[in-house]
Amino acid sequence: MPKVNLSGMTVEALMDLRKRVDEMLHRRRAELEKQLERMAVVGGRRVVQGGGSALKGRKVPPKYRSPSGETWAGRGARPRWLVAAIKRGKKLEDFLIGKGRRTRRSKR
């Protein structure tokens, strides 16, 4: 790109240069936004922008139940009742709801 001597240009020439630069920047921005839009859509599905789990905030059925009826879904920190019971010698599996029926699903 050739060097331009701005101090030697007239006001009209500077205004024209400014207009051309603005037009070029607007065109370039539009091109980049189109590229980003194409990148954001993968396989016909919109990609979630930003981090975070797709399951965050979803309710799941409880997996564990205490003898007093308190439940825990197996997400997040273990509840106090479960920690205390494990310290007393119980096993996590002792609190499973529907022990015989539970099978692990494959992720598809």
PDB file of N, CA and C in Angstrom:
ATOM      1  N   MET A   1       0.844  -1.173   0.000  1.00  0.00           N
ATOM      2  CA  MET A   1       0.000   0.000   0.000  1.00  0.00           C
ATOM      3  C   MET A   1       0.896   1.244   0.000  1.00  0.00           C
ATOM      4  N   PRO A   2       0.659   2.154  -0.895  1.00  0.00           N
ATOM      5  CA  PRO A   2       1.511   3.341  -0.974  1.00  0.00           C
ATOM      6  C   PRO A   2       1.269   4.256   0.222  1.00  0.00           C
ATOM      7  N   LYS A   3       2.337   4.936   0.620  1.00  0.00           N
ATOM      8  CA  LYS A   3       2.231   5.896   1.727  1.00  0.00           C
ATOM      9  C   LYS A   3       1.516   7.141   1.245  1.00  0.00           C
ATOM     10  N   VAL A   4       0.656   7.669   2.098  1.00  0.00           N
ATOM     11  CA  VAL A   4      -0.095   8.866   1.753  1.00  0.00           C
ATOM     12  C   VAL A   4       0.375   9.986   2.670  1.00  0.00           C
ATOM     13  N   ASN A   5       0.681  11.127   2.092  1.00  0.00           N
ATOM     14  CA  ASN A   5       1.109  12.284   2.864  1.00  0.00           C
ATOM     15  C   ASN A   5      -0.153  13.064   3.242  1.00  0.00           C
ATOM     16  N   LEU A   6      -0.654  12.827   4.428  1.00  0.00           N
ATOM     17  CA  LEU A   6      -1.903  13.453   4.862  1.00  0.00           C
ATOM     18  C   LEU A   6      -1.742  14.961   5.075  1.00  0.00           C
ATOM     19  N   SER A   7      -0.581  15.369   5.536  1.00  0.00           N
ATOM     20  CA  SER A   7      -0.405  16.799   5.823  1.00  0.00           C
ATOM     21  C   SER A   7      -0.406  17.641   4.547  1.00  0.00           C
ATOM     22  N   GLY A   8      -0.093  17.036   3.422  1.00  0.00           N
ATOM     23  CA  GLY A   8      -0.072  17.775   2.163  1.00  0.00           C
ATOM     24  C   GLY A   8      -1.406  17.749   1.425  1.00  0.00           C
ATOM     25  N   MET A   9      -2.407  17.059   1.962  1.00  0.00           N
ATOM     26  CA  MET A   9      -3.699  16.938   1.271  1.00  0.00           C
ATOM     27  C   MET A   9      -4.620  18.086   1.638  1.00  0.00           C
ATOM     28  N   THR A  10      -5.512  18.408   0.736  1.00  0.00           N
ATOM     29  CA  THR A  10      -6.505  19.449   1.007  1.00  0.00           C
ATOM     30  C   THR A  10      -7.610  18.847   1.874  1.00  0.00           C
ATOM     31  N   VAL A  11      -8.431  19.733   2.424  1.00  0.00           N
ATOM     32  CA  VAL A  11      -9.535  19.285   3.271  1.00  0.00           C
ATOM     33  C   VAL A  11     -10.500  18.422   2.474  1.00  0.00           C
ATOM     34  N   GLU A  12     -10.774  18.814   1.232  1.00  0.00           N
ATOM     35  CA  GLU A  12     -11.689  18.031   0.393  1.00  0.00           C
ATOM     36  C   GLU A  12     -11.125  16.634   0.125  1.00  0.00           C
ATOM     37  N   ALA A  13      -9.825  16.552  -0.127  1.00  0.00           N
ATOM     38  CA  ALA A  13      -9.192  15.264  -0.392  1.00  0.00           C
ATOM     39  C   ALA A  13      -9.219  14.384   0.859  1.00  0.00           C
ATOM     40  N   LEU A  14      -8.994  15.003   2.019  1.00  0.00           N
ATOM     41  CA  LEU A  14      -9.049  14.255   3.273  1.00  0.00           C
ATOM     42  C   LEU A  14     -10.455  13.723   3.543  1.00  0.00           C
ATOM     43  N   MET A  15     -11.476  14.545   3.266  1.00  0.00           N
ATOM     44  CA  MET A  15     -12.862  14.126   3.466  1.00  0.00           C
ATOM     45  C   MET A  15     -13.205  12.964   2.526  1.00  0.00           C
ATOM     46  N   ASP A  16     -12.719  13.046   1.285  1.00  0.00           N
ATOM     47  CA  ASP A  16     -12.955  11.971   0.321  1.00  0.00           C
ATOM     48  C   ASP A  16     -12.266  10.679   0.779  1.00  0.00           C
ATOM     49  N   LEU A  17     -11.044  10.804   1.260  1.00  0.00           N
ATOM     50  CA  LEU A  17     -10.312   9.646   1.765  1.00  0.00           C
ATOM     51  C   LEU A  17     -11.050   9.025   2.953  1.00  0.00           C
ATOM     52  N   ARG A  18     -11.535   9.862   3.840  1.00  0.00           N
ATOM     53  CA  ARG A  18     -12.274   9.395   5.011  1.00  0.00           C
ATOM     54  C   ARG A  18     -13.534   8.629   4.579  1.00  0.00           C
ATOM     55  N   LYS A  19     -14.226   9.138   3.583  1.00  0.00           N
ATOM     56  CA  LYS A  19     -15.439   8.494   3.080  1.00  0.00           C
ATOM     57  C   LYS A  19     -15.110   7.120   2.494  1.00  0.00           C
ATOM     58  N   ARG A  20     -14.028   7.047   1.716  1.00  0.00           N
ATOM     59  CA  ARG A  20     -13.644   5.765   1.114  1.00  0.00           C
ATOM     60  C   ARG A  20     -13.226   4.750   2.172  1.00  0.00           C
ATOM     61  N   VAL A  21     -12.508   5.216   3.207  1.00  0.00           N
ATOM     62  CA  VAL A  21     -12.093   4.311   4.292  1.00  0.00           C
ATOM     63  C   VAL A  21     -13.329   3.784   5.030  1.00  0.00           C
ATOM     64  N   ASP A  22     -14.295   4.663   5.327  1.00  0.00           N
ATOM     65  CA  ASP A  22     -15.526   4.245   6.002  1.00  0.00           C
ATOM     66  C   ASP A  22     -16.275   3.204   5.173  1.00  0.00           C
ATOM     67  N   GLU A  23     -16.384   3.421   3.870  1.00  0.00           N
ATOM     68  CA  GLU A  23     -17.074   2.465   3.005  1.00  0.00           C
ATOM     69  C   GLU A  23     -16.367   1.115   3.014  1.00  0.00           C
ATOM     70  N   MET A  24     -15.045   1.154   2.939  1.00  0.00           N
ATOM     71  CA  MET A  24     -14.280  -0.096   2.942  1.00  0.00           C
ATOM     72  C   MET A  24     -14.451  -0.836   4.274  1.00  0.00           C
ATOM     73  N   LEU A  25     -14.435  -0.099   5.372  1.00  0.00           N
ATOM     74  CA  LEU A  25     -14.623  -0.723   6.682  1.00  0.00           C
ATOM     75  C   LEU A  25     -16.010  -1.340   6.806  1.00  0.00           C
ATOM     76  N   HIS A  26     -17.028  -0.680   6.308  1.00  0.00           N
ATOM     77  CA  HIS A  26     -18.388  -1.223   6.364  1.00  0.00           C
ATOM     78  C   HIS A  26     -18.502  -2.496   5.530  1.00  0.00           C
ATOM     79  N   ARG A  27     -17.904  -2.502   4.340  1.00  0.00           N
ATOM     80  CA  ARG A  27     -17.935  -3.698   3.496  1.00  0.00           C
ATOM     81  C   ARG A  27     -17.215  -4.867   4.168  1.00  0.00           C
ATOM     82  N   ARG A  28     -16.042  -4.552   4.724  1.00  0.00           N
ATOM     83  CA  ARG A  28     -15.253  -5.608   5.388  1.00  0.00           C
ATOM     84  C   ARG A  28     -15.997  -6.160   6.593  1.00  0.00           C
ATOM     85  N   ARG A  29     -16.649  -5.290   7.341  1.00  0.00           N
ATOM     86  CA  ARG A  29     -17.415  -5.736   8.509  1.00  0.00           C
ATOM     87  C   ARG A  29     -18.561  -6.656   8.082  1.00  0.00           C
ATOM     88  N   ALA A  30     -19.255  -6.297   7.007  1.00  0.00           N
ATOM     89  CA  ALA A  30     -20.357  -7.126   6.512  1.00  0.00           C
ATOM     90  C   ALA A  30     -19.844  -8.502   6.090  1.00  0.00           C
ATOM     91  N   GLU A  31     -18.697  -8.553   5.432  1.00  0.00           N
ATOM     92  CA  GLU A  31     -18.107  -9.828   5.031  1.00  0.00           C
ATOM     93  C   GLU A  31     -17.790 -10.688   6.249  1.00  0.00           C
ATOM     94  N   LEU A  32     -17.180 -10.080   7.253  1.00  0.00           N
ATOM     95  CA  LEU A  32     -16.817 -10.827   8.461  1.00  0.00           C
ATOM     96  C   LEU A  32     -18.049 -11.325   9.203  1.00  0.00           C
ATOM     97  N   GLU A  33     -19.102 -10.521   9.266  1.00  0.00           N
ATOM     98  CA  GLU A  33     -20.327 -10.954   9.934  1.00  0.00           C
ATOM     99  C   GLU A  33     -20.961 -12.133   9.206  1.00  0.00           C
ATOM    100  N   LYS A  34     -20.909 -12.134   7.870  1.00  0.00           N
ATOM    101  CA  LYS A  34     -21.430 -13.266   7.102  1.00  0.00           C
ATOM    102  C   LYS A  34     -20.619 -14.521   7.379  1.00  0.00           C
ATOM    103  N   GLN A  35     -19.295 -14.375   7.460  1.00  0.00           N
ATOM    104  CA  GLN A  35     -18.436 -15.516   7.759  1.00  0.00           C
ATOM    105  C   GLN A  35     -18.742 -16.081   9.140  1.00  0.00           C
ATOM    106  N   LEU A  36     -18.917 -15.205  10.122  1.00  0.00           N
ATOM    107  CA  LEU A  36     -19.248 -15.650  11.474  1.00  0.00           C
ATOM    108  C   LEU A  36     -20.587 -16.369  11.514  1.00  0.00           C
ATOM    109  N   GLU A  37     -21.550 -15.860  10.771  1.00  0.00           N
ATOM    110  CA  GLU A  37     -22.866 -16.494  10.734  1.00  0.00           C
ATOM    111  C   GLU A  37     -22.770 -17.897  10.137  1.00  0.00           C
ATOM    112  N   ARG A  38     -21.970 -18.050   9.082  1.00  0.00           N
ATOM    113  CA  ARG A  38     -21.791 -19.378   8.486  1.00  0.00           C
ATOM    114  C   ARG A  38     -21.092 -20.323   9.457  1.00  0.00           C
ATOM    115  N   MET A  39     -20.137 -19.798  10.216  1.00  0.00           N
ATOM    116  CA  MET A  39     -19.415 -20.632  11.176  1.00  0.00           C
ATOM    117  C   MET A  39     -20.298 -21.017  12.366  1.00  0.00           C
ATOM    118  N   ALA A  40     -21.254 -20.175  12.726  1.00  0.00           N
ATOM    119  CA  ALA A  40     -22.105 -20.433  13.880  1.00  0.00           C
ATOM    120  C   ALA A  40     -23.135 -21.509  13.601  1.00  0.00           C
ATOM    121  N   VAL A  41     -23.417 -21.788  12.340  1.00  0.00           N
ATOM    122  CA  VAL A  41     -24.379 -22.820  11.979  1.00  0.00           C
ATOM    123  C   VAL A  41     -23.599 -24.033  11.494  1.00  0.00           C
ATOM    124  N   VAL A  42     -23.735 -25.156  12.217  1.00  0.00           N
ATOM    125  CA  VAL A  42     -23.010 -26.367  11.880  1.00  0.00           C
ATOM    126  C   VAL A  42     -24.026 -27.477  11.645  1.00  0.00           C
ATOM    127  N   GLY A  43     -24.024 -28.063  10.484  1.00  0.00           N
ATOM    128  CA  GLY A  43     -24.918 -29.164  10.182  1.00  0.00           C
ATOM    129  C   GLY A  43     -26.383 -28.804  10.301  1.00  0.00           C
ATOM    130  N   GLY A  44     -26.734 -27.593   9.964  1.00  0.00           N
ATOM    131  CA  GLY A  44     -28.129 -27.175  10.030  1.00  0.00           C
ATOM    132  C   GLY A  44     -28.584 -26.804  11.427  1.00  0.00           C
ATOM    133  N   ARG A  45     -27.704 -26.945  12.416  1.00  0.00           N
ATOM    134  CA  ARG A  45     -28.061 -26.604  13.796  1.00  0.00           C
ATOM    135  C   ARG A  45     -27.201 -25.453  14.263  1.00  0.00           C
ATOM    136  N   ARG A  46     -27.797 -24.560  14.993  1.00  0.00           N
ATOM    137  CA  ARG A  46     -27.072 -23.411  15.510  1.00  0.00           C
ATOM    138  C   ARG A  46     -26.222 -23.843  16.692  1.00  0.00           C
ATOM    139  N   VAL A  47     -24.962 -23.459  16.664  1.00  0.00           N
ATOM    140  CA  VAL A  47     -24.048 -23.767  17.745  1.00  0.00           C
ATOM    141  C   VAL A  47     -24.298 -22.780  18.870  1.00  0.00           C
ATOM    142  N   VAL A  48     -24.345 -23.297  20.100  1.00  0.00           N
ATOM    143  CA  VAL A  48     -24.572 -22.440  21.256  1.00  0.00           C
ATOM    144  C   VAL A  48     -23.338 -21.575  21.455  1.00  0.00           C
ATOM    145  N   GLN A  49     -23.541 -20.277  21.506  1.00  0.00           N
ATOM    146  CA  GLN A  49     -22.432 -19.361  21.714  1.00  0.00           C
ATOM    147  C   GLN A  49     -22.111 -19.325  23.203  1.00  0.00           C
ATOM    148  N   GLY A  50     -20.839 -19.291  23.528  1.00  0.00           N
ATOM    149  CA  GLY A  50     -20.443 -19.227  24.912  1.00  0.00           C
ATOM    150  C   GLY A  50     -20.333 -20.613  25.519  1.00  0.00           C
ATOM    151  N   GLY A  51     -19.767 -20.647  26.688  1.00  0.00           N
ATOM    152  CA  GLY A  51     -19.588 -21.913  27.370  1.00  0.00           C
ATOM    153  C   GLY A  51     -20.830 -22.346  28.091  1.00  0.00           C
ATOM    154  N   GLY A  52     -20.717 -23.406  28.842  1.00  0.00           N
ATOM    155  CA  GLY A  52     -21.843 -23.894  29.608  1.00  0.00           C
ATOM    156  C   GLY A  52     -22.375 -25.186  29.062  1.00  0.00           C
ATOM    157  N   SER A  53     -22.953 -25.929  29.919  1.00  0.00           N
ATOM    158  CA  SER A  53     -23.512 -27.217  29.543  1.00  0.00           C
ATOM    159  C   SER A  53     -24.916 -27.049  29.004  1.00  0.00           C
ATOM    160  N   ALA A  54     -25.274 -27.882  28.056  1.00  0.00           N
ATOM    161  CA  ALA A  54     -26.631 -27.861  27.519  1.00  0.00           C
ATOM    162  C   ALA A  54     -27.624 -28.376  28.552  1.00  0.00           C
ATOM    163  N   LEU A  55     -27.141 -29.105  29.561  1.00  0.00           N
ATOM    164  CA  LEU A  55     -28.011 -29.662  30.595  1.00  0.00           C
ATOM    165  C   LEU A  55     -28.172 -28.746  31.799  1.00  0.00           C
ATOM    166  N   LYS A  56     -27.421 -27.671  31.843  1.00  0.00           N
ATOM    167  CA  LYS A  56     -27.456 -26.787  33.000  1.00  0.00           C
ATOM    168  C   LYS A  56     -28.858 -26.234  33.202  1.00  0.00           C
ATOM    169  N   GLY A  57     -29.344 -26.355  34.419  1.00  0.00           N
ATOM    170  CA  GLY A  57     -30.650 -25.830  34.765  1.00  0.00           C
ATOM    171  C   GLY A  57     -31.790 -26.800  34.512  1.00  0.00           C
ATOM    172  N   ARG A  58     -31.516 -27.930  33.882  1.00  0.00           N
ATOM    173  CA  ARG A  58     -32.557 -28.922  33.619  1.00  0.00           C
ATOM    174  C   ARG A  58     -32.814 -29.751  34.863  1.00  0.00           C
ATOM    175  N   LYS A  59     -34.050 -30.058  35.103  1.00  0.00           N
ATOM    176  CA  LYS A  59     -34.425 -30.917  36.213  1.00  0.00           C
ATOM    177  C   LYS A  59     -34.240 -32.367  35.786  1.00  0.00           C
ATOM    178  N   VAL A  60     -33.676 -33.165  36.672  1.00  0.00           N
ATOM    179  CA  VAL A  60     -33.527 -34.588  36.431  1.00  0.00           C
ATOM    180  C   VAL A  60     -34.164 -35.331  37.599  1.00  0.00           C
ATOM    181  N   PRO A  61     -34.639 -36.540  37.363  1.00  0.00           N
ATOM    182  CA  PRO A  61     -35.260 -37.285  38.464  1.00  0.00           C
ATOM    183  C   PRO A  61     -34.219 -37.669  39.504  1.00  0.00           C
ATOM    184  N   PRO A  62     -34.623 -37.783  40.757  1.00  0.00           N
ATOM    185  CA  PRO A  62     -33.659 -38.139  41.804  1.00  0.00           C
ATOM    186  C   PRO A  62     -33.160 -39.568  41.645  1.00  0.00           C
ATOM    187  N   LYS A  63     -31.903 -39.787  41.983  1.00  0.00           N
ATOM    188  CA  LYS A  63     -31.300 -41.119  41.918  1.00  0.00           C
ATOM    189  C   LYS A  63     -31.151 -41.730  43.305  1.00  0.00           C
ATOM    190  N   TYR A  64     -31.067 -40.878  44.320  1.00  0.00           N
ATOM    191  CA  TYR A  64     -30.803 -41.361  45.673  1.00  0.00           C
ATOM    192  C   TYR A  64     -31.859 -40.820  46.627  1.00  0.00           C
ATOM    193  N   ARG A  65     -32.237 -41.664  47.622  1.00  0.00           N
ATOM    194  CA  ARG A  65     -33.228 -41.257  48.620  1.00  0.00           C
ATOM    195  C   ARG A  65     -32.747 -41.700  49.997  1.00  0.00           C
ATOM    196  N   SER A  66     -32.895 -40.791  50.965  1.00  0.00           N
ATOM    197  CA  SER A  66     -32.525 -41.117  52.341  1.00  0.00           C
ATOM    198  C   SER A  66     -33.688 -41.846  53.004  1.00  0.00           C
ATOM    199  N   PRO A  67     -33.428 -42.527  54.126  1.00  0.00           N
ATOM    200  CA  PRO A  67     -34.526 -43.183  54.846  1.00  0.00           C
ATOM    201  C   PRO A  67     -35.610 -42.192  55.290  1.00  0.00           C
ATOM    202  N   SER A  68     -35.245 -40.931  55.490  1.00  0.00           N
ATOM    203  CA  SER A  68     -36.237 -39.936  55.909  1.00  0.00           C
ATOM    204  C   SER A  68     -36.967 -39.299  54.721  1.00  0.00           C
ATOM    205  N   GLY A  69     -36.620 -39.699  53.482  1.00  0.00           N
ATOM    206  CA  GLY A  69     -37.343 -39.233  52.307  1.00  0.00           C
ATOM    207  C   GLY A  69     -36.659 -38.133  51.512  1.00  0.00           C
ATOM    208  N   GLU A  70     -35.521 -37.640  51.978  1.00  0.00           N
ATOM    209  CA  GLU A  70     -34.801 -36.610  51.220  1.00  0.00           C
ATOM    210  C   GLU A  70     -34.199 -37.251  49.971  1.00  0.00           C
ATOM    211  N   THR A  71     -34.143 -36.481  48.893  1.00  0.00           N
ATOM    212  CA  THR A  71     -33.632 -37.036  47.635  1.00  0.00           C
ATOM    213  C   THR A  71     -32.477 -36.203  47.102  1.00  0.00           C
ATOM    214  N   TRP A  72     -31.718 -36.839  46.214  1.00  0.00           N
ATOM    215  CA  TRP A  72     -30.604 -36.179  45.534  1.00  0.00           C
ATOM    216  C   TRP A  72     -30.497 -36.771  44.141  1.00  0.00           C
ATOM    217  N   ALA A  73     -30.316 -35.928  43.136  1.00  0.00           N
ATOM    218  CA  ALA A  73     -30.271 -36.372  41.743  1.00  0.00           C
ATOM    219  C   ALA A  73     -28.891 -36.858  41.329  1.00  0.00           C
ATOM    220  N   GLY A  74     -27.895 -36.693  42.167  1.00  0.00           N
ATOM    221  CA  GLY A  74     -26.557 -37.121  41.803  1.00  0.00           C
ATOM    222  C   GLY A  74     -25.748 -36.027  41.151  1.00  0.00           C
ATOM    223  N   ARG A  75     -26.278 -34.816  41.149  1.00  0.00           N
ATOM    224  CA  ARG A  75     -25.582 -33.660  40.576  1.00  0.00           C
ATOM    225  C   ARG A  75     -25.143 -32.731  41.692  1.00  0.00           C
ATOM    226  N   GLY A  76     -24.027 -32.079  41.453  1.00  0.00           N
ATOM    227  CA  GLY A  76     -23.547 -31.094  42.420  1.00  0.00           C
ATOM    228  C   GLY A  76     -22.948 -31.776  43.645  1.00  0.00           C
ATOM    229  N   ALA A  77     -22.798 -30.987  44.700  1.00  0.00           N
ATOM    230  CA  ALA A  77     -22.201 -31.489  45.930  1.00  0.00           C
ATOM    231  C   ALA A  77     -23.138 -32.492  46.597  1.00  0.00           C
ATOM    232  N   ARG A  78     -22.542 -33.459  47.267  1.00  0.00           N
ATOM    233  CA  ARG A  78     -23.352 -34.439  47.995  1.00  0.00           C
ATOM    234  C   ARG A  78     -24.044 -33.747  49.164  1.00  0.00           C
ATOM    235  N   PRO A  79     -25.302 -34.098  49.384  1.00  0.00           N
ATOM    236  CA  PRO A  79     -26.012 -33.481  50.504  1.00  0.00           C
ATOM    237  C   PRO A  79     -25.451 -33.975  51.842  1.00  0.00           C
ATOM    238  N   ARG A  80     -25.695 -33.196  52.877  1.00  0.00           N
ATOM    239  CA  ARG A  80     -25.144 -33.518  54.204  1.00  0.00           C
ATOM    240  C   ARG A  80     -25.609 -34.867  54.712  1.00  0.00           C
ATOM    241  N   TRP A  81     -26.891 -35.199  54.479  1.00  0.00           N
ATOM    242  CA  TRP A  81     -27.399 -36.477  54.975  1.00  0.00           C
ATOM    243  C   TRP A  81     -26.654 -37.647  54.346  1.00  0.00           C
ATOM    244  N   LEU A  82     -26.251 -37.509  53.095  1.00  0.00           N
ATOM    245  CA  LEU A  82     -25.541 -38.577  52.411  1.00  0.00           C
ATOM    246  C   LEU A  82     -24.096 -38.665  52.895  1.00  0.00           C
ATOM    247  N   VAL A  83     -23.453 -37.528  53.070  1.00  0.00           N
ATOM    248  CA  VAL A  83     -22.074 -37.502  53.558  1.00  0.00           C
ATOM    249  C   VAL A  83     -22.010 -38.131  54.947  1.00  0.00           C
ATOM    250  N   ALA A  84     -22.968 -37.778  55.818  1.00  0.00           N
ATOM    251  CA  ALA A  84     -22.994 -38.324  57.174  1.00  0.00           C
ATOM    252  C   ALA A  84     -23.216 -39.834  57.154  1.00  0.00           C
ATOM    253  N   ALA A  85     -24.097 -40.300  56.298  1.00  0.00           N
ATOM    254  CA  ALA A  85     -24.373 -41.735  56.221  1.00  0.00           C
ATOM    255  C   ALA A  85     -23.154 -42.498  55.705  1.00  0.00           C
ATOM    256  N   ILE A  86     -22.450 -41.940  54.743  1.00  0.00           N
ATOM    257  CA  ILE A  86     -21.249 -42.597  54.216  1.00  0.00           C
ATOM    258  C   ILE A  86     -20.171 -42.656  55.292  1.00  0.00           C
ATOM    259  N   LYS A  87     -20.068 -41.606  56.097  1.00  0.00           N
ATOM    260  CA  LYS A  87     -19.089 -41.612  57.198  1.00  0.00           C
ATOM    261  C   LYS A  87     -19.430 -42.678  58.236  1.00  0.00           C
ATOM    262  N   ARG A  88     -20.719 -42.985  58.373  1.00  0.00           N
ATOM    263  CA  ARG A  88     -21.145 -44.020  59.328  1.00  0.00           C
ATOM    264  C   ARG A  88     -20.956 -45.426  58.763  1.00  0.00           C
ATOM    265  N   GLY A  89     -20.499 -45.538  57.511  1.00  0.00           N
ATOM    266  CA  GLY A  89     -20.200 -46.848  56.950  1.00  0.00           C
ATOM    267  C   GLY A  89     -21.135 -47.296  55.844  1.00  0.00           C
ATOM    268  N   LYS A  90     -22.145 -46.528  55.527  1.00  0.00           N
ATOM    269  CA  LYS A  90     -23.055 -46.899  54.437  1.00  0.00           C
ATOM    270  C   LYS A  90     -22.349 -46.694  53.102  1.00  0.00           C
ATOM    271  N   LYS A  91     -22.900 -47.300  52.054  1.00  0.00           N
ATOM    272  CA  LYS A  91     -22.373 -47.133  50.705  1.00  0.00           C
ATOM    273  C   LYS A  91     -23.357 -46.293  49.901  1.00  0.00           C
ATOM    274  N   LEU A  92     -22.847 -45.601  48.896  1.00  0.00           N
ATOM    275  CA  LEU A  92     -23.685 -44.763  48.041  1.00  0.00           C
ATOM    276  C   LEU A  92     -24.792 -45.593  47.391  1.00  0.00           C
ATOM    277  N   GLU A  93     -24.462 -46.811  46.994  1.00  0.00           N
ATOM    278  CA  GLU A  93     -25.436 -47.682  46.334  1.00  0.00           C
ATOM    279  C   GLU A  93     -26.615 -48.040  47.237  1.00  0.00           C
ATOM    280  N   ASP A  94     -26.411 -47.960  48.573  1.00  0.00           N
ATOM    281  CA  ASP A  94     -27.488 -48.275  49.509  1.00  0.00           C
ATOM    282  C   ASP A  94     -28.662 -47.314  49.369  1.00  0.00           C
ATOM    283  N   PHE A  95     -28.431 -46.150  48.813  1.00  0.00           N
ATOM    284  CA  PHE A  95     -29.469 -45.119  48.718  1.00  0.00           C
ATOM    285  C   PHE A  95     -30.054 -44.980  47.312  1.00  0.00           C
ATOM    286  N   LEU A  96     -29.641 -45.831  46.377  1.00  0.00           N
ATOM    287  CA  LEU A  96     -30.174 -45.771  45.023  1.00  0.00           C
ATOM    288  C   LEU A  96     -31.674 -46.016  45.008  1.00  0.00           C
ATOM    289  N   ILE A  97     -32.372 -45.272  44.197  1.00  0.00           N
ATOM    290  CA  ILE A  97     -33.804 -45.468  44.022  1.00  0.00           C
ATOM    291  C   ILE A  97     -33.978 -46.491  42.906  1.00  0.00           C
ATOM    292  N   GLY A  98     -34.750 -47.548  43.150  1.00  0.00           N
ATOM    293  CA  GLY A  98     -34.967 -48.579  42.124  1.00  0.00           C
ATOM    294  C   GLY A  98     -33.683 -49.280  41.769  1.00  0.00           C
ATOM    295  N   LYS A  99     -33.034 -49.872  42.754  1.00  0.00           N
ATOM    296  CA  LYS A  99     -31.702 -50.460  42.580  1.00  0.00           C
ATOM    297  C   LYS A  99     -31.612 -51.436  41.417  1.00  0.00           C
ATOM    298  N   GLY A 100     -32.574 -52.347  41.268  1.00  0.00           N
ATOM    299  CA  GLY A 100     -32.486 -53.385  40.257  1.00  0.00           C
ATOM    300  C   GLY A 100     -32.792 -52.901  38.856  1.00  0.00           C
ATOM    301  N   ARG A 101     -33.591 -51.845  38.734  1.00  0.00           N
ATOM    302  CA  ARG A 101     -34.046 -51.398  37.419  1.00  0.00           C
ATOM    303  C   ARG A 101     -33.083 -50.456  36.736  1.00  0.00           C
ATOM    304  N   ARG A 102     -32.193 -49.843  37.445  1.00  0.00           N
ATOM    305  CA  ARG A 102     -31.347 -48.797  36.890  1.00  0.00           C
ATOM    306  C   ARG A 102     -30.276 -49.373  35.983  1.00  0.00           C
ATOM    307  N   THR A 103     -30.274 -48.950  34.729  1.00  0.00           N
ATOM    308  CA  THR A 103     -29.217 -49.313  33.786  1.00  0.00           C
ATOM    309  C   THR A 103     -28.700 -48.026  33.157  1.00  0.00           C
ATOM    310  N   ARG A 104     -27.460 -48.065  32.786  1.00  0.00           N
ATOM    311  CA  ARG A 104     -26.860 -46.870  32.194  1.00  0.00           C
ATOM    312  C   ARG A 104     -27.257 -46.761  30.722  1.00  0.00           C
ATOM    313  N   ARG A 105     -27.698 -45.590  30.317  1.00  0.00           N
ATOM    314  CA  ARG A 105     -28.066 -45.361  28.923  1.00  0.00           C
ATOM    315  C   ARG A 105     -26.834 -44.991  28.111  1.00  0.00           C
ATOM    316  N   SER A 106     -26.852 -45.399  26.856  1.00  0.00           N
ATOM    317  CA  SER A 106     -25.750 -44.993  25.981  1.00  0.00           C
ATOM    318  C   SER A 106     -26.043 -43.594  25.456  1.00  0.00           C
ATOM    319  N   LYS A 107     -24.995 -42.818  25.268  1.00  0.00           N
ATOM    320  CA  LYS A 107     -25.156 -41.447  24.776  1.00  0.00           C
ATOM    321  C   LYS A 107     -25.210 -41.504  23.253  1.00  0.00           C
ATOM    322  N   ARG A 108     -26.316 -41.039  22.700  1.00  0.00           N
ATOM    323  CA  ARG A 108     -26.454 -41.033  21.237  1.00  0.00           C
ATOM    324  C   ARG A 108     -26.744 -39.659  20.763  1.00  0.00           C
TER     325      ARG A 108
END
